[in-house]
Amino acid sequence: MNRRSPQRKKMKIARSAKKSSQSAQANGTVTKIKEKVNSVLILLLIVVNVILIAHLVQRFIVDYSPTISAIDLVNQKRIQVRVLNGCGISGLANSFAEFLKRNDYDVVETGNAETYDYPTTLLIDHNTREQKEIEKLCRTLDISTNLIIRLTTADAAADATIIIGSDYESLHSYRAMN
């Protein structure tokens, strides 16, 4: 029979304890490494989230300014109008221009017509807008829709041109200005 001596048993126990101690140390080291890796990954995710949030705040709140195209879209909705003085009364085109601006029209030019002999106020439609928008402009100025002249011009500076005639005093818009 194979009998083991107590000394051999002690050596075997010591070896086994040494192995389990090494194994425990190895397990402890692996656990510590896993904990460190997890901590680093969590810290990395926090940093990425902070960067993303900062970028969103900067993009939508801090640096927001309308682009030129957004401003153009707003101006496209408003009818662009030229106002010309066709009766020779000084400052009349400017008065009508101010009236139109207060009524949300975009006055792009004021000045004098080629002559001062227009007996009635006319509206020249350059065919860049819908008919009902031009008719609304006529109602705003109290001009008869019969006095609309449709003229298609490729290089029109405005959607409509208003030539103030000698009948300006009879217009409701002129009375509203004074």
C-alpha atoms as a PDB file:
ATOM      1  CA  MET A   1       0.000   0.000   0.000  1.00  0.00           C
ATOM      2  CA  ASN A   2       1.033   3.349  -0.662  1.00  0.00           C
ATOM      3  CA  ARG A   3       1.104   5.364   2.394  1.00  0.00           C
ATOM      4  CA  ARG A   4       1.969   8.878   2.388  1.00  0.00           C
ATOM      5  CA  SER A   5       4.032  10.351   4.991  1.00  0.00           C
ATOM      6  CA  PRO A   6       2.772  13.338   6.945  1.00  0.00           C
ATOM      7  CA  GLN A   7       5.617  15.350   5.608  1.00  0.00           C
ATOM      8  CA  ARG A   8       4.594  14.618   2.041  1.00  0.00           C
ATOM      9  CA  LYS A   9       1.057  15.632   2.891  1.00  0.00           C
ATOM     10  CA  LYS A  10       2.282  18.927   4.252  1.00  0.00           C
ATOM     11  CA  MET A  11       4.303  19.550   1.126  1.00  0.00           C
ATOM     12  CA  LYS A  12       1.313  18.726  -1.031  1.00  0.00           C
ATOM     13  CA  ILE A  13      -0.895  21.078   0.988  1.00  0.00           C
ATOM     14  CA  ALA A  14       1.734  23.799   0.807  1.00  0.00           C
ATOM     15  CA  ARG A  15       1.983  23.387  -2.955  1.00  0.00           C
ATOM     16  CA  SER A  16      -1.768  23.447  -3.308  1.00  0.00           C
ATOM     17  CA  ALA A  17      -1.986  26.551  -1.105  1.00  0.00           C
ATOM     18  CA  LYS A  18       0.735  28.178  -3.165  1.00  0.00           C
ATOM     19  CA  LYS A  19      -1.155  27.370  -6.376  1.00  0.00           C
ATOM     20  CA  SER A  20      -4.448  28.671  -4.989  1.00  0.00           C
ATOM     21  CA  SER A  21      -2.646  31.755  -3.698  1.00  0.00           C
ATOM     22  CA  GLN A  22      -1.174  32.330  -7.157  1.00  0.00           C
ATOM     23  CA  SER A  23      -4.562  31.632  -8.707  1.00  0.00           C
ATOM     24  CA  ALA A  24      -6.217  34.084  -6.283  1.00  0.00           C
ATOM     25  CA  GLN A  25      -3.560  36.653  -7.057  1.00  0.00           C
ATOM     26  CA  ALA A  26      -4.088  36.133 -10.786  1.00  0.00           C
ATOM     27  CA  ASN A  27      -7.873  36.412 -10.337  1.00  0.00           C
ATOM     28  CA  GLY A  28      -7.418  39.565  -8.263  1.00  0.00           C
ATOM     29  CA  THR A  29      -5.148  41.062 -10.901  1.00  0.00           C
ATOM     30  CA  VAL A  30      -7.618  40.214 -13.690  1.00  0.00           C
ATOM     31  CA  THR A  31     -10.469  41.711 -11.643  1.00  0.00           C
ATOM     32  CA  LYS A  32      -8.464  44.872 -11.021  1.00  0.00           C
ATOM     33  CA  ILE A  33      -7.645  45.159 -14.729  1.00  0.00           C
ATOM     34  CA  LYS A  34     -11.320  44.683 -15.660  1.00  0.00           C
ATOM     35  CA  GLU A  35     -12.333  47.356 -13.148  1.00  0.00           C
ATOM     36  CA  LYS A  36      -9.774  49.796 -14.564  1.00  0.00           C
ATOM     37  CA  VAL A  37     -10.860  49.107 -18.155  1.00  0.00           C
ATOM     38  CA  ASN A  38     -14.509  49.616 -17.168  1.00  0.00           C
ATOM     39  CA  SER A  39     -13.640  52.886 -15.421  1.00  0.00           C
ATOM     40  CA  VAL A  40     -11.711  54.127 -18.448  1.00  0.00           C
ATOM     41  CA  LEU A  41     -14.583  53.192 -20.796  1.00  0.00           C
ATOM     42  CA  ILE A  42     -17.148  54.957 -18.601  1.00  0.00           C
ATOM     43  CA  LEU A  43     -14.946  58.040 -18.436  1.00  0.00           C
ATOM     44  CA  LEU A  44     -14.512  57.953 -22.220  1.00  0.00           C
ATOM     45  CA  LEU A  45     -18.304  57.741 -22.750  1.00  0.00           C
ATOM     46  CA  ILE A  46     -18.840  60.697 -20.404  1.00  0.00           C
ATOM     47  CA  VAL A  47     -16.307  62.780 -22.352  1.00  0.00           C
ATOM     48  CA  VAL A  48     -17.954  61.892 -25.697  1.00  0.00           C
ATOM     49  CA  ASN A  49     -21.403  62.831 -24.330  1.00  0.00           C
ATOM     50  CA  VAL A  50     -20.132  66.168 -23.023  1.00  0.00           C
ATOM     51  CA  ILE A  51     -18.576  66.965 -26.410  1.00  0.00           C
ATOM     52  CA  LEU A  52     -21.798  66.085 -28.248  1.00  0.00           C
ATOM     53  CA  ILE A  53     -23.940  68.186 -25.918  1.00  0.00           C
ATOM     54  CA  ALA A  54     -21.544  71.130 -26.190  1.00  0.00           C
ATOM     55  CA  HIS A  55     -21.659  70.891 -29.991  1.00  0.00           C
ATOM     56  CA  LEU A  56     -25.461  70.875 -30.000  1.00  0.00           C
ATOM     57  CA  VAL A  57     -25.646  73.869 -27.680  1.00  0.00           C
ATOM     58  CA  GLN A  58     -23.183  75.794 -29.823  1.00  0.00           C
ATOM     59  CA  ARG A  59     -24.964  74.911 -33.048  1.00  0.00           C
ATOM     60  CA  PHE A  60     -28.547  75.622 -32.026  1.00  0.00           C
ATOM     61  CA  ILE A  61     -28.317  78.271 -29.332  1.00  0.00           C
ATOM     62  CA  VAL A  62     -25.056  80.177 -29.290  1.00  0.00           C
ATOM     63  CA  ASP A  63     -24.149  80.553 -32.976  1.00  0.00           C
ATOM     64  CA  TYR A  64     -27.631  80.730 -34.512  1.00  0.00           C
ATOM     65  CA  SER A  65     -27.902  83.431 -37.121  1.00  0.00           C
ATOM     66  CA  PRO A  66     -30.244  83.342 -40.061  1.00  0.00           C
ATOM     67  CA  THR A  67     -28.582  82.479 -43.303  1.00  0.00           C
ATOM     68  CA  ILE A  68     -28.895  84.625 -46.368  1.00  0.00           C
ATOM     69  CA  SER A  69     -31.167  82.063 -47.943  1.00  0.00           C
ATOM     70  CA  ALA A  70     -33.536  82.237 -44.933  1.00  0.00           C
ATOM     71  CA  ILE A  71     -33.667  86.029 -45.241  1.00  0.00           C
ATOM     72  CA  ASP A  72     -34.289  85.684 -48.988  1.00  0.00           C
ATOM     73  CA  LEU A  73     -37.189  83.323 -48.289  1.00  0.00           C
ATOM     74  CA  VAL A  74     -38.781  85.881 -45.979  1.00  0.00           C
ATOM     75  CA  ASN A  75     -38.324  88.670 -48.553  1.00  0.00           C
ATOM     76  CA  GLN A  76     -39.710  86.484 -51.344  1.00  0.00           C
ATOM     77  CA  LYS A  77     -43.037  86.333 -49.540  1.00  0.00           C
ATOM     78  CA  ARG A  78     -43.344  90.114 -49.594  1.00  0.00           C
ATOM     79  CA  ILE A  79     -44.200  91.772 -52.892  1.00  0.00           C
ATOM     80  CA  GLN A  80     -41.393  93.984 -54.153  1.00  0.00           C
ATOM     81  CA  VAL A  81     -42.696  97.338 -55.377  1.00  0.00           C
ATOM     82  CA  ARG A  82     -41.267 100.323 -57.249  1.00  0.00           C
ATOM     83  CA  VAL A  83     -43.073 103.620 -56.559  1.00  0.00           C
ATOM     84  CA  LEU A  84     -42.745 106.347 -59.184  1.00  0.00           C
ATOM     85  CA  ASN A  85     -44.093 109.901 -59.074  1.00  0.00           C
ATOM     86  CA  GLY A  86     -46.129 110.523 -62.230  1.00  0.00           C
ATOM     87  CA  CYS A  87     -47.733 113.849 -61.304  1.00  0.00           C
ATOM     88  CA  GLY A  88     -44.805 116.035 -60.187  1.00  0.00           C
ATOM     89  CA  ILE A  89     -45.816 116.637 -56.528  1.00  0.00           C
ATOM     90  CA  SER A  90     -42.606 116.689 -54.527  1.00  0.00           C
ATOM     91  CA  GLY A  91     -42.180 113.832 -51.997  1.00  0.00           C
ATOM     92  CA  LEU A  92     -45.299 111.978 -53.139  1.00  0.00           C
ATOM     93  CA  ALA A  93     -43.486 108.762 -54.125  1.00  0.00           C
ATOM     94  CA  ASN A  94     -41.774 108.684 -50.716  1.00  0.00           C
ATOM     95  CA  SER A  95     -45.106 109.139 -48.906  1.00  0.00           C
ATOM     96  CA  PHE A  96     -46.661 106.222 -50.783  1.00  0.00           C
ATOM     97  CA  ALA A  97     -43.517 104.155 -50.224  1.00  0.00           C
ATOM     98  CA  GLU A  98     -43.771 104.673 -46.454  1.00  0.00           C
ATOM     99  CA  PHE A  99     -47.457 103.727 -46.579  1.00  0.00           C
ATOM    100  CA  LEU A 100     -46.613 100.510 -48.420  1.00  0.00           C
ATOM    101  CA  LYS A 101     -43.813  99.643 -45.997  1.00  0.00           C
ATOM    102  CA  ARG A 102     -46.227 100.026 -43.080  1.00  0.00           C
ATOM    103  CA  ASN A 103     -48.523  97.610 -44.901  1.00  0.00           C
ATOM    104  CA  ASP A 104     -45.759  94.981 -45.213  1.00  0.00           C
ATOM    105  CA  TYR A 105     -44.662  95.544 -48.797  1.00  0.00           C
ATOM    106  CA  ASP A 106     -41.018  95.629 -49.806  1.00  0.00           C
ATOM    107  CA  VAL A 107     -40.359  98.959 -51.534  1.00  0.00           C
ATOM    108  CA  VAL A 108     -37.220  98.480 -53.601  1.00  0.00           C
ATOM    109  CA  GLU A 109     -37.150 101.834 -55.398  1.00  0.00           C
ATOM    110  CA  THR A 110     -38.747 105.283 -55.359  1.00  0.00           C
ATOM    111  CA  GLY A 111     -38.315 108.009 -57.926  1.00  0.00           C
ATOM    112  CA  ASN A 112     -39.910 109.972 -60.733  1.00  0.00           C
ATOM    113  CA  ALA A 113     -41.707 108.569 -63.756  1.00  0.00           C
ATOM    114  CA  GLU A 114     -40.503 109.554 -67.227  1.00  0.00           C
ATOM    115  CA  THR A 115     -43.178 112.248 -67.398  1.00  0.00           C
ATOM    116  CA  TYR A 116     -45.515 113.999 -64.953  1.00  0.00           C
ATOM    117  CA  ASP A 117     -48.639 113.763 -67.118  1.00  0.00           C
ATOM    118  CA  TYR A 118     -50.303 110.633 -65.650  1.00  0.00           C
ATOM    119  CA  PRO A 119     -53.947 111.524 -64.932  1.00  0.00           C
ATOM    120  CA  THR A 120     -54.630 108.295 -62.989  1.00  0.00           C
ATOM    121  CA  THR A 121     -52.575 106.105 -60.706  1.00  0.00           C
ATOM    122  CA  LEU A 122     -51.481 102.909 -62.476  1.00  0.00           C
ATOM    123  CA  LEU A 123     -50.093  99.609 -61.338  1.00  0.00           C
ATOM    124  CA  ILE A 124     -47.783  97.710 -63.675  1.00  0.00           C
ATOM    125  CA  ASP A 125     -47.748  93.974 -62.955  1.00  0.00           C
ATOM    126  CA  HIS A 126     -44.466  92.384 -64.103  1.00  0.00           C
ATOM    127  CA  ASN A 127     -46.051  88.887 -64.010  1.00  0.00           C
ATOM    128  CA  THR A 128     -43.780  87.539 -61.281  1.00  0.00           C
ATOM    129  CA  ARG A 129     -46.542  87.068 -58.693  1.00  0.00           C
ATOM    130  CA  GLU A 130     -49.972  85.495 -58.529  1.00  0.00           C
ATOM    131  CA  GLN A 131     -52.825  87.671 -59.709  1.00  0.00           C
ATOM    132  CA  LYS A 132     -54.541  87.731 -56.300  1.00  0.00           C
ATOM    133  CA  GLU A 133     -51.410  89.155 -54.660  1.00  0.00           C
ATOM    134  CA  ILE A 134     -51.341  92.004 -57.182  1.00  0.00           C
ATOM    135  CA  GLU A 135     -55.070  92.599 -56.673  1.00  0.00           C
ATOM    136  CA  LYS A 136     -54.469  92.772 -52.915  1.00  0.00           C
ATOM    137  CA  LEU A 137     -51.860  95.469 -53.570  1.00  0.00           C
ATOM    138  CA  CYS A 138     -54.482  97.363 -55.619  1.00  0.00           C
ATOM    139  CA  ARG A 139     -56.976  97.133 -52.733  1.00  0.00           C
ATOM    140  CA  THR A 140     -54.330  98.352 -50.292  1.00  0.00           C
ATOM    141  CA  LEU A 141     -53.736 101.454 -52.410  1.00  0.00           C
ATOM    142  CA  ASP A 142     -57.406 101.827 -53.432  1.00  0.00           C
ATOM    143  CA  ILE A 143     -56.521 101.494 -57.112  1.00  0.00           C
ATOM    144  CA  SER A 144     -59.116  99.938 -59.438  1.00  0.00           C
ATOM    145  CA  THR A 145     -58.091  96.548 -60.817  1.00  0.00           C
ATOM    146  CA  ASN A 146     -59.004  97.946 -64.243  1.00  0.00           C
ATOM    147  CA  LEU A 147     -55.882 100.098 -63.965  1.00  0.00           C
ATOM    148  CA  ILE A 148     -53.514  97.099 -63.821  1.00  0.00           C
ATOM    149  CA  ILE A 149     -51.188  96.870 -66.815  1.00  0.00           C
ATOM    150  CA  ARG A 150     -49.637  93.440 -67.246  1.00  0.00           C
ATOM    151  CA  LEU A 151     -46.153  93.680 -68.655  1.00  0.00           C
ATOM    152  CA  THR A 152     -43.712  90.783 -68.718  1.00  0.00           C
ATOM    153  CA  THR A 153     -40.142  92.003 -68.442  1.00  0.00           C
ATOM    154  CA  ALA A 154     -37.255  89.588 -68.090  1.00  0.00           C
ATOM    155  CA  ASP A 155     -35.163  92.015 -66.048  1.00  0.00           C
ATOM    156  CA  ALA A 156     -37.873  93.522 -63.835  1.00  0.00           C
ATOM    157  CA  ALA A 157     -36.397  95.073 -60.687  1.00  0.00           C
ATOM    158  CA  ALA A 158     -39.659  94.498 -58.781  1.00  0.00           C
ATOM    159  CA  ASP A 159     -42.860  92.485 -58.864  1.00  0.00           C
ATOM    160  CA  ALA A 160     -44.952  95.612 -59.513  1.00  0.00           C
ATOM    161  CA  THR A 161     -44.458  99.276 -60.354  1.00  0.00           C
ATOM    162  CA  ILE A 162     -46.866 101.931 -59.117  1.00  0.00           C
ATOM    163  CA  ILE A 163     -47.010 105.228 -60.967  1.00  0.00           C
ATOM    164  CA  ILE A 164     -48.766 107.867 -58.850  1.00  0.00           C
ATOM    165  CA  GLY A 165     -51.035 109.966 -61.051  1.00  0.00           C
ATOM    166  CA  SER A 166     -52.858 113.282 -60.591  1.00  0.00           C
ATOM    167  CA  ASP A 167     -55.809 111.457 -58.959  1.00  0.00           C
ATOM    168  CA  TYR A 168     -53.693 110.634 -55.850  1.00  0.00           C
ATOM    169  CA  GLU A 169     -55.879 112.804 -53.575  1.00  0.00           C
ATOM    170  CA  SER A 170     -58.956 110.684 -54.336  1.00  0.00           C
ATOM    171  CA  LEU A 171     -57.225 107.463 -53.224  1.00  0.00           C
ATOM    172  CA  HIS A 172     -58.197 106.067 -49.842  1.00  0.00           C
ATOM    173  CA  SER A 173     -54.544 105.170 -49.227  1.00  0.00           C
ATOM    174  CA  TYR A 174     -53.525 108.846 -49.603  1.00  0.00           C
ATOM    175  CA  ARG A 175     -56.267 109.948 -47.187  1.00  0.00           C
ATOM    176  CA  ALA A 176     -55.088 107.278 -44.739  1.00  0.00           C
ATOM    177  CA  MET A 177     -51.562 108.730 -44.893  1.00  0.00           C
ATOM    178  CA  ASN A 178     -52.754 112.240 -43.947  1.00  0.00           C
END
